[in-house]
PDB file of N, CA and C in Angstrom:
ATOM      1  N   VAL A   1      -6.517  -5.472 -32.586  1.00  0.00           N
ATOM      2  CA  VAL A   1      -6.835  -5.202 -31.193  1.00  0.00           C
ATOM      3  C   VAL A   1      -6.393  -3.788 -30.846  1.00  0.00           C
ATOM      4  N   ARG A   2      -7.282  -3.037 -30.254  1.00  0.00           N
ATOM      5  CA  ARG A   2      -6.963  -1.671 -29.831  1.00  0.00           C
ATOM      6  C   ARG A   2      -7.120  -1.603 -28.321  1.00  0.00           C
ATOM      7  N   LEU A   3      -6.133  -1.007 -27.668  1.00  0.00           N
ATOM      8  CA  LEU A   3      -6.130  -0.922 -26.223  1.00  0.00           C
ATOM      9  C   LEU A   3      -6.036   0.537 -25.801  1.00  0.00           C
ATOM     10  N   VAL A   4      -6.867   0.937 -24.860  1.00  0.00           N
ATOM     11  CA  VAL A   4      -6.863   2.310 -24.374  1.00  0.00           C
ATOM     12  C   VAL A   4      -6.820   2.284 -22.849  1.00  0.00           C
ATOM     13  N   GLU A   5      -5.732   2.836 -22.286  1.00  0.00           N
ATOM     14  CA  GLU A   5      -5.585   2.884 -20.836  1.00  0.00           C
ATOM     15  C   GLU A   5      -6.154   4.184 -20.287  1.00  0.00           C
ATOM     16  N   SER A   6      -6.543   4.130 -19.031  1.00  0.00           N
ATOM     17  CA  SER A   6      -6.989   5.328 -18.319  1.00  0.00           C
ATOM     18  C   SER A   6      -6.777   5.104 -16.830  1.00  0.00           C
ATOM     19  N   GLY A   7      -6.863   6.219 -16.078  1.00  0.00           N
ATOM     20  CA  GLY A   7      -6.806   6.105 -14.627  1.00  0.00           C
ATOM     21  C   GLY A   7      -5.510   6.565 -13.997  1.00  0.00           C
ATOM     22  N   GLY A   8      -4.528   6.929 -14.799  1.00  0.00           N
ATOM     23  CA  GLY A   8      -3.277   7.401 -14.232  1.00  0.00           C
ATOM     24  C   GLY A   8      -3.435   8.789 -13.629  1.00  0.00           C
ATOM     25  N   GLY A   9      -2.383   9.240 -12.951  1.00  0.00           N
ATOM     26  CA  GLY A   9      -2.420  10.566 -12.355  1.00  0.00           C
ATOM     27  C   GLY A   9      -1.380  10.710 -11.279  1.00  0.00           C
ATOM     28  N   LEU A  10      -1.553  11.757 -10.502  1.00  0.00           N
ATOM     29  CA  LEU A  10      -0.647  12.063  -9.386  1.00  0.00           C
ATOM     30  C   LEU A  10      -1.276  11.585  -8.088  1.00  0.00           C
ATOM     31  N   VAL A  11      -0.499  10.859  -7.315  1.00  0.00           N
ATOM     32  CA  VAL A  11      -1.004  10.347  -6.041  1.00  0.00           C
ATOM     33  C   VAL A  11       0.118  10.422  -5.012  1.00  0.00           C
ATOM     34  N   GLN A  12      -0.246  10.605  -3.763  1.00  0.00           N
ATOM     35  CA  GLN A  12       0.739  10.662  -2.693  1.00  0.00           C
ATOM     36  C   GLN A  12       1.208   9.257  -2.314  1.00  0.00           C
ATOM     37  N   PRO A  13       2.411   9.141  -1.790  1.00  0.00           N
ATOM     38  CA  PRO A  13       2.868   7.835  -1.308  1.00  0.00           C
ATOM     39  C   PRO A  13       1.878   7.241  -0.305  1.00  0.00           C
ATOM     40  N   GLY A  14       1.647   5.952  -0.463  1.00  0.00           N
ATOM     41  CA  GLY A  14       0.673   5.270   0.376  1.00  0.00           C
ATOM     42  C   GLY A  14      -0.728   5.266  -0.194  1.00  0.00           C
ATOM     43  N   GLY A  15      -0.934   6.032  -1.244  1.00  0.00           N
ATOM     44  CA  GLY A  15      -2.255   6.121  -1.849  1.00  0.00           C
ATOM     45  C   GLY A  15      -2.542   4.996  -2.822  1.00  0.00           C
ATOM     46  N   SER A  16      -3.699   5.085  -3.465  1.00  0.00           N
ATOM     47  CA  SER A  16      -4.151   4.052  -4.390  1.00  0.00           C
ATOM     48  C   SER A  16      -4.606   4.672  -5.701  1.00  0.00           C
ATOM     49  N   LEU A  17      -4.489   3.871  -6.734  1.00  0.00           N
ATOM     50  CA  LEU A  17      -5.027   4.205  -8.047  1.00  0.00           C
ATOM     51  C   LEU A  17      -5.541   2.929  -8.685  1.00  0.00           C
ATOM     52  N   ARG A  18      -6.502   3.085  -9.570  1.00  0.00           N
ATOM     53  CA  ARG A  18      -6.994   1.955 -10.349  1.00  0.00           C
ATOM     54  C   ARG A  18      -6.859   2.288 -11.819  1.00  0.00           C
ATOM     55  N   LEU A  19      -6.050   1.534 -12.514  1.00  0.00           N
ATOM     56  CA  LEU A  19      -5.902   1.710 -13.954  1.00  0.00           C
ATOM     57  C   LEU A  19      -6.889   0.807 -14.678  1.00  0.00           C
ATOM     58  N   SER A  20      -7.395   1.307 -15.786  1.00  0.00           N
ATOM     59  CA  SER A  20      -8.307   0.541 -16.625  1.00  0.00           C
ATOM     60  C   SER A  20      -7.745   0.438 -18.034  1.00  0.00           C
ATOM     61  N   CYS A  21      -8.045  -0.670 -18.671  1.00  0.00           N
ATOM     62  CA  CYS A  21      -7.652  -0.874 -20.061  1.00  0.00           C
ATOM     63  C   CYS A  21      -8.876  -1.380 -20.808  1.00  0.00           C
ATOM     64  N   ALA A  22      -9.324  -0.593 -21.781  1.00  0.00           N
ATOM     65  CA  ALA A  22     -10.456  -0.978 -22.612  1.00  0.00           C
ATOM     66  C   ALA A  22      -9.932  -1.569 -23.907  1.00  0.00           C
ATOM     67  N   ALA A  23     -10.380  -2.775 -24.214  1.00  0.00           N
ATOM     68  CA  ALA A  23      -9.910  -3.472 -25.413  1.00  0.00           C
ATOM     69  C   ALA A  23     -11.022  -3.560 -26.433  1.00  0.00           C
ATOM     70  N   SER A  24     -10.663  -3.389 -27.676  1.00  0.00           N
ATOM     71  CA  SER A  24     -11.610  -3.595 -28.765  1.00  0.00           C
ATOM     72  C   SER A  24     -10.947  -4.471 -29.810  1.00  0.00           C
ATOM     73  N   GLY A  25     -11.775  -5.153 -30.593  1.00  0.00           N
ATOM     74  CA  GLY A  25     -11.229  -6.070 -31.577  1.00  0.00           C
ATOM     75  C   GLY A  25     -11.491  -7.500 -31.165  1.00  0.00           C
ATOM     76  N   SER A  26     -11.240  -8.392 -32.067  1.00  0.00           N
ATOM     77  CA  SER A  26     -11.576  -9.788 -31.835  1.00  0.00           C
ATOM     78  C   SER A  26     -10.505 -10.477 -31.006  1.00  0.00           C
ATOM     79  N   GLY A  27     -10.938 -11.511 -30.309  1.00  0.00           N
ATOM     80  CA  GLY A  27      -9.992 -12.361 -29.623  1.00  0.00           C
ATOM     81  C   GLY A  27      -9.613 -11.953 -28.223  1.00  0.00           C
ATOM     82  N   PHE A  28     -10.166 -10.834 -27.760  1.00  0.00           N
ATOM     83  CA  PHE A  28      -9.749 -10.353 -26.449  1.00  0.00           C
ATOM     84  C   PHE A  28      -9.921 -11.412 -25.382  1.00  0.00           C
ATOM     85  N   ARG A  29     -11.082 -12.054 -25.354  1.00  0.00           N
ATOM     86  CA  ARG A  29     -11.372 -12.924 -24.226  1.00  0.00           C
ATOM     87  C   ARG A  29     -10.508 -14.179 -24.222  1.00  0.00           C
ATOM     88  N   PHE A  30      -9.795 -14.423 -25.308  1.00  0.00           N
ATOM     89  CA  PHE A  30      -8.911 -15.579 -25.347  1.00  0.00           C
ATOM     90  C   PHE A  30      -7.469 -15.229 -25.007  1.00  0.00           C
ATOM     91  N   ASN A  31      -7.173 -13.945 -24.968  1.00  0.00           N
ATOM     92  CA  ASN A  31      -5.793 -13.500 -24.792  1.00  0.00           C
ATOM     93  C   ASN A  31      -5.434 -13.287 -23.339  1.00  0.00           C
ATOM     94  N   ALA A  32      -4.209 -13.650 -23.014  1.00  0.00           N
ATOM     95  CA  ALA A  32      -3.656 -13.211 -21.729  1.00  0.00           C
ATOM     96  C   ALA A  32      -3.355 -11.721 -21.845  1.00  0.00           C
ATOM     97  N   MET A  33      -3.694 -10.998 -20.799  1.00  0.00           N
ATOM     98  CA  MET A  33      -3.528  -9.545 -20.779  1.00  0.00           C
ATOM     99  C   MET A  33      -2.525  -9.177 -19.704  1.00  0.00           C
ATOM    100  N   GLY A  34      -1.786  -8.096 -19.968  1.00  0.00           N
ATOM    101  CA  GLY A  34      -0.779  -7.717 -18.995  1.00  0.00           C
ATOM    102  C   GLY A  34      -0.638  -6.216 -18.846  1.00  0.00           C
ATOM    103  N   TRP A  35      -0.044  -5.857 -17.753  1.00  0.00           N
ATOM    104  CA  TRP A  35       0.368  -4.474 -17.506  1.00  0.00           C
ATOM    105  C   TRP A  35       1.889  -4.469 -17.380  1.00  0.00           C
ATOM    106  N   TYR A  36       2.508  -3.538 -18.077  1.00  0.00           N
ATOM    107  CA  TYR A  36       3.942  -3.323 -17.993  1.00  0.00           C
ATOM    108  C   TYR A  36       4.163  -1.846 -17.674  1.00  0.00           C
ATOM    109  N   ARG A  37       5.334  -1.542 -17.199  1.00  0.00           N
ATOM    110  CA  ARG A  37       5.630  -0.136 -16.924  1.00  0.00           C
ATOM    111  C   ARG A  37       7.069   0.180 -17.310  1.00  0.00           C
ATOM    112  N   ARG A  38       7.281   1.454 -17.592  1.00  0.00           N
ATOM    113  CA  ARG A  38       8.626   1.931 -17.874  1.00  0.00           C
ATOM    114  C   ARG A  38       8.836   3.211 -17.088  1.00  0.00           C
ATOM    115  N   ALA A  39       9.779   3.150 -16.185  1.00  0.00           N
ATOM    116  CA  ALA A  39      10.138   4.320 -15.387  1.00  0.00           C
ATOM    117  C   ALA A  39      11.266   5.065 -16.090  1.00  0.00           C
ATOM    118  N   PRO A  40      11.412   6.349 -15.818  1.00  0.00           N
ATOM    119  CA  PRO A  40      12.479   7.132 -16.456  1.00  0.00           C
ATOM    120  C   PRO A  40      13.838   6.499 -16.227  1.00  0.00           C
ATOM    121  N   GLY A  41      14.567   6.287 -17.303  1.00  0.00           N
ATOM    122  CA  GLY A  41      15.915   5.749 -17.196  1.00  0.00           C
ATOM    123  C   GLY A  41      16.000   4.267 -16.898  1.00  0.00           C
ATOM    124  N   LYS A  42      14.866   3.589 -16.903  1.00  0.00           N
ATOM    125  CA  LYS A  42      14.861   2.164 -16.575  1.00  0.00           C
ATOM    126  C   LYS A  42      14.272   1.356 -17.725  1.00  0.00           C
ATOM    127  N   GLU A  43      14.507   0.054 -17.676  1.00  0.00           N
ATOM    128  CA  GLU A  43      13.949  -0.827 -18.686  1.00  0.00           C
ATOM    129  C   GLU A  43      12.487  -1.134 -18.370  1.00  0.00           C
ATOM    130  N   ARG A  44      11.801  -1.589 -19.403  1.00  0.00           N
ATOM    131  CA  ARG A  44      10.409  -1.987 -19.224  1.00  0.00           C
ATOM    132  C   ARG A  44      10.324  -3.146 -18.237  1.00  0.00           C
ATOM    133  N   GLU A  45       9.284  -3.107 -17.423  1.00  0.00           N
ATOM    134  CA  GLU A  45       9.137  -4.089 -16.350  1.00  0.00           C
ATOM    135  C   GLU A  45       7.736  -4.678 -16.376  1.00  0.00           C
ATOM    136  N   LEU A  46       7.668  -5.994 -16.216  1.00  0.00           N
ATOM    137  CA  LEU A  46       6.369  -6.639 -16.096  1.00  0.00           C
ATOM    138  C   LEU A  46       5.766  -6.286 -14.743  1.00  0.00           C
ATOM    139  N   VAL A  47       4.513  -5.867 -14.756  1.00  0.00           N
ATOM    140  CA  VAL A  47       3.817  -5.532 -13.511  1.00  0.00           C
ATOM    141  C   VAL A  47       2.873  -6.665 -13.117  1.00  0.00           C
ATOM    142  N   ALA A  48       2.008  -7.053 -14.048  1.00  0.00           N
ATOM    143  CA  ALA A  48       1.041  -8.105 -13.739  1.00  0.00           C
ATOM    144  C   ALA A  48       0.466  -8.666 -15.029  1.00  0.00           C
ATOM    145  N   VAL A  49       0.100  -9.938 -14.968  1.00  0.00           N
ATOM    146  CA  VAL A  49      -0.484 -10.623 -16.117  1.00  0.00           C
ATOM    147  C   VAL A  49      -1.679 -11.439 -15.647  1.00  0.00           C
ATOM    148  N   ILE A  50      -2.693 -11.533 -16.510  1.00  0.00           N
ATOM    149  CA  ILE A  50      -3.848 -12.377 -16.215  1.00  0.00           C
ATOM    150  C   ILE A  50      -4.239 -13.137 -17.473  1.00  0.00           C
ATOM    151  N   THR A  51      -4.450 -14.441 -17.324  1.00  0.00           N
ATOM    152  CA  THR A  51      -4.828 -15.265 -18.471  1.00  0.00           C
ATOM    153  C   THR A  51      -6.336 -15.187 -18.705  1.00  0.00           C
ATOM    154  N   SER A  52      -6.754 -15.797 -19.790  1.00  0.00           N
ATOM    155  CA  SER A  52      -8.184 -15.825 -20.076  1.00  0.00           C
ATOM    156  C   SER A  52      -8.934 -16.620 -19.014  1.00  0.00           C
ATOM    157  N   GLY A  53      -8.253 -17.544 -18.374  1.00  0.00           N
ATOM    158  CA  GLY A  53      -8.880 -18.341 -17.332  1.00  0.00           C
ATOM    159  C   GLY A  53      -8.794 -17.741 -15.945  1.00  0.00           C
ATOM    160  N   GLY A  54      -8.105 -16.610 -15.835  1.00  0.00           N
ATOM    161  CA  GLY A  54      -8.033 -15.915 -14.549  1.00  0.00           C
ATOM    162  C   GLY A  54      -6.773 -16.163 -13.748  1.00  0.00           C
ATOM    163  N   ALA A  55      -5.858 -16.979 -14.262  1.00  0.00           N
ATOM    164  CA  ALA A  55      -4.584 -17.154 -13.560  1.00  0.00           C
ATOM    165  C   ALA A  55      -3.784 -15.864 -13.650  1.00  0.00           C
ATOM    166  N   THR A  56      -3.053 -15.564 -12.592  1.00  0.00           N
ATOM    167  CA  THR A  56      -2.325 -14.305 -12.566  1.00  0.00           C
ATOM    168  C   THR A  56      -0.863 -14.508 -12.204  1.00  0.00           C
ATOM    169  N   ARG A  57      -0.086 -13.531 -12.626  1.00  0.00           N
ATOM    170  CA  ARG A  57       1.304 -13.425 -12.190  1.00  0.00           C
ATOM    171  C   ARG A  57       1.535 -11.964 -11.836  1.00  0.00           C
ATOM    172  N   ILE A  58       2.094 -11.727 -10.674  1.00  0.00           N
ATOM    173  CA  ILE A  58       2.359 -10.376 -10.206  1.00  0.00           C
ATOM    174  C   ILE A  58       3.862 -10.194 -10.092  1.00  0.00           C
ATOM    175  N   GLY A  59       4.359  -9.085 -10.587  1.00  0.00           N
ATOM    176  CA  GLY A  59       5.772  -8.802 -10.523  1.00  0.00           C
ATOM    177  C   GLY A  59       6.268  -8.705  -9.087  1.00  0.00           C
ATOM    178  N   ASP A  60       7.503  -9.094  -8.870  1.00  0.00           N
ATOM    179  CA  ASP A  60       8.042  -9.137  -7.515  1.00  0.00           C
ATOM    180  C   ASP A  60       8.025  -7.781  -6.828  1.00  0.00           C
ATOM    181  N   SER A  61       8.272  -6.728  -7.576  1.00  0.00           N
ATOM    182  CA  SER A  61       8.369  -5.400  -6.972  1.00  0.00           C
ATOM    183  C   SER A  61       7.017  -4.841  -6.530  1.00  0.00           C
ATOM    184  N   VAL A  62       5.937  -5.444  -6.983  1.00  0.00           N
ATOM    185  CA  VAL A  62       4.603  -4.933  -6.627  1.00  0.00           C
ATOM    186  C   VAL A  62       3.751  -5.986  -5.941  1.00  0.00           C
ATOM    187  N   LYS A  63       4.323  -7.137  -5.699  1.00  0.00           N
ATOM    188  CA  LYS A  63       3.575  -8.235  -5.091  1.00  0.00           C
ATOM    189  C   LYS A  63       3.053  -7.816  -3.727  1.00  0.00           C
ATOM    190  N   GLY A  64       1.785  -8.132  -3.499  1.00  0.00           N
ATOM    191  CA  GLY A  64       1.164  -7.773  -2.222  1.00  0.00           C
ATOM    192  C   GLY A  64       0.554  -6.381  -2.215  1.00  0.00           C
ATOM    193  N   ARG A  65       0.830  -5.601  -3.247  1.00  0.00           N
ATOM    194  CA  ARG A  65       0.278  -4.239  -3.324  1.00  0.00           C
ATOM    195  C   ARG A  65      -0.605  -4.027  -4.538  1.00  0.00           C
ATOM    196  N   PHE A  66      -0.315  -4.721  -5.616  1.00  0.00           N
ATOM    197  CA  PHE A  66      -1.073  -4.556  -6.859  1.00  0.00           C
ATOM    198  C   PHE A  66      -1.885  -5.813  -7.140  1.00  0.00           C
ATOM    199  N   THR A  67      -3.045  -5.603  -7.764  1.00  0.00           N
ATOM    200  CA  THR A  67      -3.917  -6.715  -8.149  1.00  0.00           C
ATOM    201  C   THR A  67      -4.405  -6.496  -9.576  1.00  0.00           C
ATOM    202  N   ILE A  68      -4.383  -7.545 -10.372  1.00  0.00           N
ATOM    203  CA  ILE A  68      -4.897  -7.462 -11.732  1.00  0.00           C
ATOM    204  C   ILE A  68      -6.197  -8.243 -11.818  1.00  0.00           C
ATOM    205  N   SER A  69      -7.126  -7.709 -12.606  1.00  0.00           N
ATOM    206  CA  SER A  69      -8.397  -8.401 -12.812  1.00  0.00           C
ATOM    207  C   SER A  69      -8.895  -8.085 -14.224  1.00  0.00           C
ATOM    208  N   ARG A  70      -9.888  -8.856 -14.648  1.00  0.00           N
ATOM    209  CA  ARG A  70     -10.445  -8.606 -15.975  1.00  0.00           C
ATOM    210  C   ARG A  70     -11.936  -8.879 -15.968  1.00  0.00           C
ATOM    211  N   ASP A  71     -12.620  -8.172 -16.836  1.00  0.00           N
ATOM    212  CA  ASP A  71     -14.042  -8.380 -17.075  1.00  0.00           C
ATOM    213  C   ASP A  71     -14.174  -8.671 -18.567  1.00  0.00           C
ATOM    214  N   SER A  72     -14.172  -9.951 -18.905  1.00  0.00           N
ATOM    215  CA  SER A  72     -14.167 -10.321 -20.315  1.00  0.00           C
ATOM    216  C   SER A  72     -15.458  -9.929 -21.015  1.00  0.00           C
ATOM    217  N   ALA A  73     -16.554  -9.881 -20.283  1.00  0.00           N
ATOM    218  CA  ALA A  73     -17.825  -9.481 -20.901  1.00  0.00           C
ATOM    219  C   ALA A  73     -17.777  -8.030 -21.352  1.00  0.00           C
ATOM    220  N   GLN A  74     -17.019  -7.215 -20.622  1.00  0.00           N
ATOM    221  CA  GLN A  74     -16.908  -5.792 -20.942  1.00  0.00           C
ATOM    222  C   GLN A  74     -15.611  -5.470 -21.681  1.00  0.00           C
ATOM    223  N   ASN A  75     -14.790  -6.470 -21.955  1.00  0.00           N
ATOM    224  CA  ASN A  75     -13.499  -6.256 -22.617  1.00  0.00           C
ATOM    225  C   ASN A  75     -12.621  -5.270 -21.839  1.00  0.00           C
ATOM    226  N   MET A  76     -12.559  -5.481 -20.531  1.00  0.00           N
ATOM    227  CA  MET A  76     -11.798  -4.582 -19.679  1.00  0.00           C
ATOM    228  C   MET A  76     -10.775  -5.357 -18.853  1.00  0.00           C
ATOM    229  N   VAL A  77      -9.646  -4.700 -18.602  1.00  0.00           N
ATOM    230  CA  VAL A  77      -8.634  -5.214 -17.672  1.00  0.00           C
ATOM    231  C   VAL A  77      -8.311  -4.093 -16.698  1.00  0.00           C
ATOM    232  N   TYR A  78      -8.116  -4.449 -15.443  1.00  0.00           N
ATOM    233  CA  TYR A  78      -7.883  -3.459 -14.402  1.00  0.00           C
ATOM    234  C   TYR A  78      -6.589  -3.765 -13.653  1.00  0.00           C
ATOM    235  N   LEU A  79      -5.985  -2.700 -13.145  1.00  0.00           N
ATOM    236  CA  LEU A  79      -4.835  -2.847 -12.256  1.00  0.00           C
ATOM    237  C   LEU A  79      -5.109  -1.990 -11.030  1.00  0.00           C
ATOM    238  N   GLN A  80      -5.382  -2.648  -9.919  1.00  0.00           N
ATOM    239  CA  GLN A  80      -5.575  -1.955  -8.652  1.00  0.00           C
ATOM    240  C   GLN A  80      -4.222  -1.811  -7.978  1.00  0.00           C
ATOM    241  N   MET A  81      -3.839  -0.577  -7.713  1.00  0.00           N
ATOM    242  CA  MET A  81      -2.529  -0.290  -7.139  1.00  0.00           C
ATOM    243  C   MET A  81      -2.726   0.347  -5.772  1.00  0.00           C
ATOM    244  N   ASP A  82      -2.299  -0.324  -4.746  1.00  0.00           N
ATOM    245  CA  ASP A  82      -2.400   0.163  -3.365  1.00  0.00           C
ATOM    246  C   ASP A  82      -1.007   0.355  -2.782  1.00  0.00           C
ATOM    247  N   SER A  83      -0.960   1.095  -1.697  1.00  0.00           N
ATOM    248  CA  SER A  83       0.310   1.354  -0.992  1.00  0.00           C
ATOM    249  C   SER A  83       1.382   1.808  -1.969  1.00  0.00           C
ATOM    250  N   LEU A  84       1.029   2.761  -2.775  1.00  0.00           N
ATOM    251  CA  LEU A  84       1.944   3.214  -3.817  1.00  0.00           C
ATOM    252  C   LEU A  84       3.182   3.866  -3.228  1.00  0.00           C
ATOM    253  N   LYS A  85       4.290   3.660  -3.928  1.00  0.00           N
ATOM    254  CA  LYS A  85       5.580   4.193  -3.520  1.00  0.00           C
ATOM    255  C   LYS A  85       6.129   5.089  -4.635  1.00  0.00           C
ATOM    256  N   PRO A  86       7.021   5.993  -4.290  1.00  0.00           N
ATOM    257  CA  PRO A  86       7.615   6.836  -5.347  1.00  0.00           C
ATOM    258  C   PRO A  86       8.247   6.019  -6.472  1.00  0.00           C
ATOM    259  N   GLU A  87       8.783   4.863  -6.147  1.00  0.00           N
ATOM    260  CA  GLU A  87       9.414   4.044  -7.189  1.00  0.00           C
ATOM    261  C   GLU A  87       8.405   3.389  -8.122  1.00  0.00           C
ATOM    262  N   ASP A  88       7.127   3.539  -7.859  1.00  0.00           N
ATOM    263  CA  ASP A  88       6.099   3.069  -8.782  1.00  0.00           C
ATOM    264  C   ASP A  88       5.829   4.092  -9.896  1.00  0.00           C
ATOM    265  N   THR A  89       6.441   5.240  -9.788  1.00  0.00           N
ATOM    266  CA  THR A  89       6.271   6.262 -10.815  1.00  0.00           C
ATOM    267  C   THR A  89       6.771   5.740 -12.157  1.00  0.00           C
ATOM    268  N   ALA A  90       5.897   5.783 -13.152  1.00  0.00           N
ATOM    269  CA  ALA A  90       6.226   5.227 -14.470  1.00  0.00           C
ATOM    270  C   ALA A  90       5.057   5.467 -15.413  1.00  0.00           C
ATOM    271  N   VAL A  91       5.295   5.175 -16.672  1.00  0.00           N
ATOM    272  CA  VAL A  91       4.194   5.074 -17.624  1.00  0.00           C
ATOM    273  C   VAL A  91       3.783   3.606 -17.668  1.00  0.00           C
ATOM    274  N   TYR A  92       2.502   3.376 -17.478  1.00  0.00           N
ATOM    275  CA  TYR A  92       1.959   2.023 -17.430  1.00  0.00           C
ATOM    276  C   TYR A  92       1.260   1.715 -18.752  1.00  0.00           C
ATOM    277  N   TYR A  93       1.581   0.547 -19.291  1.00  0.00           N
ATOM    278  CA  TYR A  93       1.050   0.139 -20.582  1.00  0.00           C
ATOM    279  C   TYR A  93       0.254  -1.155 -20.451  1.00  0.00           C
ATOM    280  N   CYS A  94      -0.856  -1.189 -21.126  1.00  0.00           N
ATOM    281  CA  CYS A  94      -1.660  -2.398 -21.253  1.00  0.00           C
ATOM    282  C   CYS A  94      -1.180  -3.182 -22.473  1.00  0.00           C
ATOM    283  N   ASN A  95      -1.183  -4.499 -22.352  1.00  0.00           N
ATOM    284  CA  ASN A  95      -0.704  -5.347 -23.435  1.00  0.00           C
ATOM    285  C   ASN A  95      -1.619  -6.537 -23.623  1.00  0.00           C
ATOM    286  N   SER A  96      -1.796  -6.950 -24.865  1.00  0.00           N
ATOM    287  CA  SER A  96      -2.647  -8.090 -25.189  1.00  0.00           C
ATOM    288  C   SER A  96      -1.848  -9.172 -25.907  1.00  0.00           C
ATOM    289  N   GLY A  97      -2.100 -10.407 -25.511  1.00  0.00           N
ATOM    290  CA  GLY A  97      -1.409 -11.523 -26.139  1.00  0.00           C
ATOM    291  C   GLY A  97      -0.147 -11.942 -25.422  1.00  0.00           C
ATOM    292  N   VAL A  98      -0.098 -11.692 -24.116  1.00  0.00           N
ATOM    293  CA  VAL A  98       1.089 -12.055 -23.332  1.00  0.00           C
ATOM    294  C   VAL A  98       1.335 -13.558 -23.433  1.00  0.00           C
ATOM    295  N   ASP A  99       2.595 -13.902 -23.637  1.00  0.00           N
ATOM    296  CA  ASP A  99       2.984 -15.305 -23.821  1.00  0.00           C
ATOM    297  C   ASP A  99       3.627 -15.856 -22.563  1.00  0.00           C
ATOM    298  N   ARG A 100       3.106 -16.993 -22.101  1.00  0.00           N
ATOM    299  CA  ARG A 100       3.700 -17.704 -20.959  1.00  0.00           C
ATOM    300  C   ARG A 100       3.864 -16.809 -19.740  1.00  0.00           C
ATOM    301  N   LEU A 101       2.889 -15.957 -19.539  1.00  0.00           N
ATOM    302  CA  LEU A 101       2.839 -15.101 -18.339  1.00  0.00           C
ATOM    303  C   LEU A 101       4.047 -14.181 -18.209  1.00  0.00           C
ATOM    304  N   SER A 102       4.726 -13.895 -19.325  1.00  0.00           N
ATOM    305  CA  SER A 102       5.875 -13.006 -19.214  1.00  0.00           C
ATOM    306  C   SER A 102       6.122 -12.192 -20.473  1.00  0.00           C
ATOM    307  N   ARG A 103       6.267 -12.855 -21.606  1.00  0.00           N
ATOM    308  CA  ARG A 103       6.645 -12.136 -22.813  1.00  0.00           C
ATOM    309  C   ARG A 103       5.454 -11.351 -23.346  1.00  0.00           C
ATOM    310  N   PRO A 104       5.623 -10.039 -23.555  1.00  0.00           N
ATOM    311  CA  PRO A 104       4.488  -9.237 -24.032  1.00  0.00           C
ATOM    312  C   PRO A 104       4.062  -9.631 -25.432  1.00  0.00           C
ATOM    313  N   GLY A 105       2.769  -9.444 -25.694  1.00  0.00           N
ATOM    314  CA  GLY A 105       2.222  -9.704 -27.008  1.00  0.00           C
ATOM    315  C   GLY A 105       2.418  -8.512 -27.929  1.00  0.00           C
ATOM    316  N   PRO A 106       1.860  -8.575 -29.109  1.00  0.00           N
ATOM    317  CA  PRO A 106       2.112  -7.543 -30.123  1.00  0.00           C
ATOM    318  C   PRO A 106       1.265  -6.273 -29.991  1.00  0.00           C
ATOM    319  N   TYR A 107       0.312  -6.281 -29.082  1.00  0.00           N
ATOM    320  CA  TYR A 107      -0.619  -5.159 -29.003  1.00  0.00           C
ATOM    321  C   TYR A 107      -0.394  -4.349 -27.733  1.00  0.00           C
ATOM    322  N   TRP A 108      -0.221  -3.043 -27.927  1.00  0.00           N
ATOM    323  CA  TRP A 108       0.055  -2.123 -26.815  1.00  0.00           C
ATOM    324  C   TRP A 108      -0.918  -0.957 -26.829  1.00  0.00           C
ATOM    325  N   GLY A 109      -1.230  -0.476 -25.641  1.00  0.00           N
ATOM    326  CA  GLY A 109      -1.933   0.781 -25.534  1.00  0.00           C
ATOM    327  C   GLY A 109      -0.948   1.931 -25.596  1.00  0.00           C
ATOM    328  N   GLN A 110      -1.485   3.150 -25.478  1.00  0.00           N
ATOM    329  CA  GLN A 110      -0.641   4.335 -25.578  1.00  0.00           C
ATOM    330  C   GLN A 110       0.045   4.664 -24.255  1.00  0.00           C
ATOM    331  N   GLY A 111      -0.402   4.049 -23.184  1.00  0.00           N
ATOM    332  CA  GLY A 111       0.203   4.271 -21.880  1.00  0.00           C
ATOM    333  C   GLY A 111      -0.532   5.326 -21.076  1.00  0.00           C
ATOM    334  N   THR A 112      -0.451   5.181 -19.762  1.00  0.00           N
ATOM    335  CA  THR A 112      -0.998   6.178 -18.846  1.00  0.00           C
ATOM    336  C   THR A 112       0.039   6.427 -17.757  1.00  0.00           C
ATOM    337  N   ARG A 113       0.261   7.692 -17.462  1.00  0.00           N
ATOM    338  CA  ARG A 113       1.350   8.060 -16.538  1.00  0.00           C
ATOM    339  C   ARG A 113       0.866   8.042 -15.107  1.00  0.00           C
ATOM    340  N   VAL A 114       1.670   7.423 -14.262  1.00  0.00           N
ATOM    341  CA  VAL A 114       1.419   7.408 -12.823  1.00  0.00           C
ATOM    342  C   VAL A 114       2.598   8.082 -12.134  1.00  0.00           C
ATOM    343  N   THR A 115       2.295   9.063 -11.315  1.00  0.00           N
ATOM    344  CA  THR A 115       3.325   9.768 -10.553  1.00  0.00           C
ATOM    345  C   THR A 115       2.992   9.670  -9.081  1.00  0.00           C
ATOM    346  N   VAL A 116       3.925   9.137  -8.321  1.00  0.00           N
ATOM    347  CA  VAL A 116       3.737   8.993  -6.874  1.00  0.00           C
ATOM    348  C   VAL A 116       4.707   9.956  -6.192  1.00  0.00           C
ATOM    349  N   SER A 117       4.146  10.978  -5.622  1.00  0.00           N
ATOM    350  CA  SER A 117       4.971  12.027  -5.029  1.00  0.00           C
ATOM    351  C   SER A 117       4.170  12.810  -4.013  1.00  0.00           C
ATOM    352  N   SER A 118       4.872  13.297  -2.994  1.00  0.00           N
ATOM    353  CA  SER A 118       4.216  14.154  -2.012  1.00  0.00           C
ATOM    354  C   SER A 118       4.406  15.615  -2.382  1.00  0.00           C
TER     355      SER A 118
END
C-alpha cells in the first residue's frame, strides 16, 4: 500500500484546509484509514479515523472542527479542517490499516505540513 498526502500549507487562524490522501495497492477499501499528526516537540496524535463502512472517530482536540471522509471508488481519504488554530500546526500523516479506531496500521504516507499562523 502506498499513500501520498497533499493539501497542506500555510493558513491563518480560523481558516480551512482540506487534506487528501491517495492510496494505491490492494486492500484499500477494506482498511480503516486514519490521519495522525505530530507537532514540534510533541508526541504523535490521532486526528481522525474512518472504517471501511464509514464509521468515524475524531480526536478530542479537533472534534467539531475536523471531518474525515473517504471515496473508496477513487482510493481517496480526506480530512476537512475548519476553524484552524495555531495549535493545529503539525505534520499530518495518512495511515492505512488502523486497528480498533486507534492503533495505527503499518502503512504511512510521507506527511504534509500544516502551519496555522497569522
